[in-house]
Amino acid sequence: MVNQFLAVTGASVSVRKQLQTWNAKIIDYLREYFNSDFQQVRGTLFGDAIAKIAYLTETAIAQPDSFRGVVDLQGRLQAAAIVEVETDCLRVDIFTNAPWNVILNQPETMKGAATSLVESLVNESKSKGFSGRIKLYSLVRATQFYTKIGFVETDVPGEMELTNVAAEIFLNRQLRFRKTGNETS
């Protein structure tokens, strides 16, 4: 099985246009699924995504070099992050899926984008000499996703870390998945 996503570094003009598309989709989904009632999305994954996408868009424009993402084979942005390079790891400032990947049962949904973005970040961390280490602060609703990948909580409340050992295990699991198509192999 071939990876269906390609890594993107930097908020190019194309990326910024796609972030505008994300913001337009948010408005469409608010109308279609929530009767334009923003109160209905508070405390949901979609509500989290709205806030994260707004911050991500602002930061990508102000600091384009901090943007990371993955696009599908048609070039459509599917997941994105803002990262900072620290002295011993990559620090993820914000991490989110495209809006159609957080609204369940969407015909546009593309599974695996967030995991592929983590894989890309682990490879970047390795290339910078950090052995795959990544740190981030997780919303409670996202903790399960990060834990499944191999992140562990640190002594700092809300902070999670993917250690170098866990990063290698994760990369090997991703490689096996691509070869077999089976997540548990």
Foldseek 3Di string as FASTA:
>chain_A
DDDQKDKDFFCDPVNLVLLVVLLVVLCVCCCVPVVVDLVVCPPALLNVQNVLSVVLSVCCVVPRRQKMFMAGPVRHTFKIFGWDDDPQFIETEGIGTRSQCRDPPHPPHDPDRRLVRLLVRQVVRVVVVNLSKYKYFDDPVCVVVVVVQPWDDDPDPRMTMCHNVSSVVSNVLVVVCVVPVDSVD
